[in-house]
N, C-alpha and C. Protein backbone atom coordinates (compact mmCIF):
# COMPACT_ATOMS: atom_id res chain seq x y z
N PRO A 1 -5.43 1.07 -25.30
CA PRO A 1 -5.26 2.39 -24.62
C PRO A 1 -6.50 3.24 -24.84
N GLY A 2 -6.80 4.04 -23.84
CA GLY A 2 -7.95 4.98 -23.96
C GLY A 2 -7.62 6.13 -24.95
N GLN A 3 -8.66 6.75 -25.40
CA GLN A 3 -8.45 7.86 -26.38
C GLN A 3 -8.11 9.11 -25.57
N LEU A 4 -6.90 9.54 -25.80
CA LEU A 4 -6.43 10.72 -25.10
C LEU A 4 -6.28 11.89 -26.09
N THR A 5 -6.59 13.06 -25.68
CA THR A 5 -6.44 14.23 -26.57
C THR A 5 -5.07 14.84 -26.40
N TRP A 6 -4.81 15.83 -27.22
CA TRP A 6 -3.53 16.48 -27.26
C TRP A 6 -3.08 17.02 -25.92
N TYR A 7 -4.00 17.47 -25.11
CA TYR A 7 -3.60 18.04 -23.81
C TYR A 7 -3.32 17.08 -22.74
N THR A 8 -3.53 15.78 -23.02
CA THR A 8 -3.29 14.79 -21.98
C THR A 8 -2.18 13.81 -22.33
N LYS A 9 -1.69 13.84 -23.57
CA LYS A 9 -0.71 12.81 -23.99
C LYS A 9 0.63 12.87 -23.20
N ASP A 10 1.05 14.04 -22.75
CA ASP A 10 2.27 14.18 -22.04
C ASP A 10 2.09 14.30 -20.53
N MET A 11 0.80 14.23 -20.09
CA MET A 11 0.46 14.42 -18.73
C MET A 11 0.67 13.09 -17.94
N LYS A 12 1.08 13.22 -16.69
CA LYS A 12 1.22 12.06 -15.79
C LYS A 12 -0.18 11.48 -15.65
N THR A 13 -0.32 10.13 -15.72
CA THR A 13 -1.59 9.47 -15.64
C THR A 13 -1.66 8.53 -14.42
N LEU A 14 -2.74 8.55 -13.68
CA LEU A 14 -2.96 7.66 -12.59
C LEU A 14 -4.29 6.97 -12.73
N LYS A 15 -4.34 5.66 -12.42
CA LYS A 15 -5.58 4.95 -12.32
C LYS A 15 -6.37 5.59 -11.12
N ILE A 16 -7.70 5.51 -11.12
CA ILE A 16 -8.48 6.05 -10.03
C ILE A 16 -8.14 5.39 -8.69
N SER A 17 -7.82 4.10 -8.73
CA SER A 17 -7.44 3.41 -7.46
C SER A 17 -6.09 3.95 -6.93
N GLU A 18 -5.18 4.23 -7.80
CA GLU A 18 -3.91 4.83 -7.36
C GLU A 18 -4.11 6.21 -6.83
N PHE A 19 -4.99 7.01 -7.48
CA PHE A 19 -5.26 8.36 -7.00
C PHE A 19 -5.91 8.33 -5.63
N LYS A 20 -6.88 7.42 -5.50
CA LYS A 20 -7.57 7.29 -4.17
C LYS A 20 -6.60 6.93 -3.06
N ALA A 21 -5.69 6.08 -3.34
CA ALA A 21 -4.73 5.62 -2.32
C ALA A 21 -3.74 6.70 -1.93
N SER A 22 -3.47 7.65 -2.83
CA SER A 22 -2.42 8.62 -2.55
C SER A 22 -2.93 10.09 -2.89
N CYS A 23 -4.17 10.33 -2.67
CA CYS A 23 -4.78 11.61 -3.02
C CYS A 23 -4.02 12.79 -2.50
N ILE A 24 -3.76 12.86 -1.21
CA ILE A 24 -3.11 14.03 -0.59
C ILE A 24 -1.71 14.23 -1.16
N ARG A 25 -1.01 13.17 -1.33
CA ARG A 25 0.38 13.27 -1.89
C ARG A 25 0.30 13.80 -3.31
N VAL A 26 -0.63 13.34 -4.12
CA VAL A 26 -0.76 13.76 -5.50
C VAL A 26 -1.11 15.25 -5.53
N LEU A 27 -2.06 15.69 -4.74
CA LEU A 27 -2.50 17.07 -4.69
C LEU A 27 -1.33 17.95 -4.29
N LYS A 28 -0.54 17.54 -3.27
CA LYS A 28 0.58 18.41 -2.88
C LYS A 28 1.63 18.44 -3.94
N THR A 29 1.88 17.32 -4.64
CA THR A 29 2.84 17.30 -5.77
C THR A 29 2.41 18.22 -6.88
N VAL A 30 1.17 18.18 -7.26
CA VAL A 30 0.66 19.05 -8.30
C VAL A 30 0.78 20.49 -7.90
N ALA A 31 0.47 20.85 -6.66
CA ALA A 31 0.64 22.18 -6.17
C ALA A 31 2.05 22.63 -6.19
N ARG A 32 2.97 21.78 -5.85
CA ARG A 32 4.42 22.10 -5.80
C ARG A 32 5.04 22.22 -7.14
N THR A 33 4.73 21.23 -8.05
CA THR A 33 5.41 21.21 -9.34
C THR A 33 4.67 21.96 -10.47
N ALA A 34 3.37 22.23 -10.23
CA ALA A 34 2.48 22.85 -11.21
C ALA A 34 2.28 21.98 -12.45
N GLU A 35 2.55 20.69 -12.29
CA GLU A 35 2.31 19.72 -13.41
C GLU A 35 1.01 18.98 -13.16
N PRO A 36 0.07 19.07 -14.15
CA PRO A 36 -1.22 18.42 -13.98
C PRO A 36 -1.13 16.86 -14.01
N VAL A 37 -2.16 16.25 -13.47
CA VAL A 37 -2.22 14.79 -13.43
C VAL A 37 -3.61 14.41 -14.01
N LEU A 38 -3.59 13.38 -14.86
CA LEU A 38 -4.83 12.83 -15.43
C LEU A 38 -5.21 11.58 -14.64
N VAL A 39 -6.42 11.57 -14.17
CA VAL A 39 -6.96 10.40 -13.42
C VAL A 39 -7.84 9.64 -14.40
N THR A 40 -7.61 8.31 -14.51
CA THR A 40 -8.40 7.52 -15.48
C THR A 40 -9.19 6.44 -14.78
N ARG A 41 -10.25 6.05 -15.43
CA ARG A 41 -11.06 4.91 -14.95
C ARG A 41 -11.29 3.96 -16.11
N ARG A 42 -10.84 2.73 -15.91
CA ARG A 42 -10.90 1.75 -16.99
C ARG A 42 -10.22 2.24 -18.28
N GLY A 43 -9.09 2.97 -18.08
CA GLY A 43 -8.32 3.47 -19.25
C GLY A 43 -8.83 4.69 -19.88
N LYS A 44 -9.96 5.23 -19.44
CA LYS A 44 -10.51 6.41 -20.04
C LYS A 44 -10.37 7.63 -19.09
N PRO A 45 -10.04 8.80 -19.64
CA PRO A 45 -9.90 9.98 -18.75
C PRO A 45 -11.12 10.27 -17.99
N LEU A 46 -10.94 10.52 -16.67
CA LEU A 46 -12.05 10.80 -15.74
C LEU A 46 -11.96 12.25 -15.28
N ALA A 47 -10.72 12.64 -14.89
CA ALA A 47 -10.59 13.98 -14.39
C ALA A 47 -9.10 14.42 -14.51
N ARG A 48 -8.95 15.72 -14.58
CA ARG A 48 -7.60 16.35 -14.58
C ARG A 48 -7.43 17.11 -13.24
N VAL A 49 -6.29 16.87 -12.61
CA VAL A 49 -5.97 17.63 -11.43
C VAL A 49 -4.97 18.69 -11.86
N LEU A 50 -5.41 19.95 -11.71
CA LEU A 50 -4.62 21.08 -12.14
C LEU A 50 -4.23 21.97 -11.00
N PRO A 51 -3.09 22.62 -11.03
CA PRO A 51 -2.69 23.54 -9.95
C PRO A 51 -3.55 24.81 -10.06
N VAL A 52 -3.73 25.44 -8.90
CA VAL A 52 -4.48 26.69 -8.91
C VAL A 52 -3.45 27.82 -9.17
N ARG A 53 -3.79 28.69 -10.12
CA ARG A 53 -2.92 29.79 -10.37
C ARG A 53 -3.33 30.98 -9.54
N GLU A 54 -2.36 31.56 -8.88
CA GLU A 54 -2.62 32.73 -8.03
C GLU A 54 -2.92 33.91 -8.94
N GLU A 55 -4.03 34.56 -8.65
CA GLU A 55 -4.34 35.82 -9.35
C GLU A 55 -3.56 36.93 -8.74
N ARG A 56 -2.81 37.59 -9.60
CA ARG A 56 -2.05 38.75 -9.14
C ARG A 56 -2.97 39.99 -9.31
N PRO A 57 -2.99 40.88 -8.33
CA PRO A 57 -3.79 42.09 -8.49
C PRO A 57 -3.24 42.93 -9.64
N ARG A 58 -4.10 43.42 -10.38
CA ARG A 58 -3.67 44.27 -11.55
C ARG A 58 -3.31 45.64 -11.06
N ALA A 59 -2.29 46.15 -11.65
CA ALA A 59 -1.86 47.51 -11.30
C ALA A 59 -2.90 48.51 -11.82
N ARG A 60 -3.25 49.43 -10.92
CA ARG A 60 -4.17 50.51 -11.30
C ARG A 60 -3.44 51.53 -12.10
N VAL A 61 -4.12 51.91 -13.19
CA VAL A 61 -3.52 52.90 -14.08
C VAL A 61 -4.30 54.21 -13.90
N LEU A 62 -3.62 55.24 -13.55
CA LEU A 62 -4.26 56.54 -13.42
C LEU A 62 -4.85 56.94 -14.74
N GLY A 63 -6.13 57.28 -14.77
CA GLY A 63 -6.77 57.69 -16.03
C GLY A 63 -7.11 56.50 -16.91
N GLY A 64 -7.12 55.33 -16.37
CA GLY A 64 -7.38 54.13 -17.17
C GLY A 64 -8.76 54.04 -17.77
N LEU A 65 -9.69 54.75 -17.14
CA LEU A 65 -11.07 54.78 -17.66
C LEU A 65 -11.42 56.10 -18.47
N LYS A 66 -10.40 56.84 -18.72
CA LYS A 66 -10.62 58.09 -19.51
C LYS A 66 -11.25 57.76 -20.84
N GLY A 67 -12.33 58.46 -21.08
CA GLY A 67 -13.02 58.24 -22.38
C GLY A 67 -14.10 57.17 -22.34
N ALA A 68 -14.20 56.47 -21.18
CA ALA A 68 -15.20 55.38 -21.05
C ALA A 68 -16.53 55.88 -20.68
N ILE A 69 -16.62 57.09 -20.18
CA ILE A 69 -17.91 57.62 -19.71
C ILE A 69 -18.14 58.98 -20.51
N GLU A 70 -19.37 59.13 -20.94
CA GLU A 70 -19.75 60.38 -21.58
C GLU A 70 -20.72 61.14 -20.74
N ILE A 71 -20.47 62.40 -20.40
CA ILE A 71 -21.34 63.21 -19.57
C ILE A 71 -22.28 63.93 -20.53
N ARG A 72 -23.59 63.73 -20.31
CA ARG A 72 -24.53 64.46 -21.14
C ARG A 72 -25.38 65.38 -20.24
N GLY A 73 -25.38 66.61 -20.59
CA GLY A 73 -26.25 67.52 -19.83
C GLY A 73 -25.54 68.10 -18.58
N ASP A 74 -26.34 68.70 -17.77
CA ASP A 74 -25.82 69.39 -16.53
C ASP A 74 -25.74 68.37 -15.34
N ILE A 75 -24.54 68.14 -14.88
CA ILE A 75 -24.43 67.22 -13.79
C ILE A 75 -24.46 67.91 -12.45
N ILE A 76 -24.45 69.20 -12.44
CA ILE A 76 -24.51 70.01 -11.20
C ILE A 76 -25.95 70.29 -10.84
N GLY A 77 -26.75 70.78 -11.80
CA GLY A 77 -28.15 71.07 -11.49
C GLY A 77 -28.96 69.79 -11.37
N SER A 78 -30.23 69.96 -10.99
CA SER A 78 -31.05 68.76 -10.77
C SER A 78 -32.37 68.96 -11.53
N ASP A 79 -32.88 67.86 -12.08
CA ASP A 79 -34.12 67.91 -12.79
C ASP A 79 -35.27 67.57 -11.78
N PHE A 80 -34.93 67.34 -10.54
CA PHE A 80 -35.87 66.87 -9.50
C PHE A 80 -36.42 68.00 -8.63
N ASP A 81 -36.11 69.28 -8.97
CA ASP A 81 -36.52 70.33 -8.11
C ASP A 81 -38.00 70.38 -7.93
N ASP A 82 -38.80 70.11 -8.94
CA ASP A 82 -40.26 70.11 -8.84
C ASP A 82 -40.72 69.00 -7.90
N ASP A 83 -40.09 67.86 -8.01
CA ASP A 83 -40.48 66.72 -7.16
C ASP A 83 -40.34 67.03 -5.70
N TRP A 84 -39.27 67.71 -5.33
CA TRP A 84 -39.01 68.06 -3.94
C TRP A 84 -40.09 69.05 -3.41
N GLU A 85 -40.44 69.95 -4.29
CA GLU A 85 -41.46 70.94 -3.85
C GLU A 85 -42.83 70.31 -3.76
N GLY A 86 -43.12 69.31 -4.56
CA GLY A 86 -44.39 68.71 -4.55
C GLY A 86 -44.68 67.96 -3.24
N GLY A 87 -43.70 67.58 -2.53
CA GLY A 87 -43.87 66.86 -1.31
C GLY A 87 -44.23 67.73 -0.14
N ARG A 88 -44.17 69.01 -0.27
CA ARG A 88 -44.46 69.93 0.83
C ARG A 88 -45.91 70.19 1.04
């Protein structure tokens, strides 16, 4: 037997030839059941087929960035007044 690690010992295993012959069916099964499949070549792990997890949008929290920004100095006035006058 090939050397399998802890994350593959309970995983369904297919030889590469079996995977090739039934690729679409295997992919649909993995998507439906969320159970990964290990593809082997000559008894050694070659690839893991894993389901895609849907990213759920995170809930926006009002005030979630409070304290993340520090305002230094005058944000209303401008330090560029001289620059504007120099262009005239």
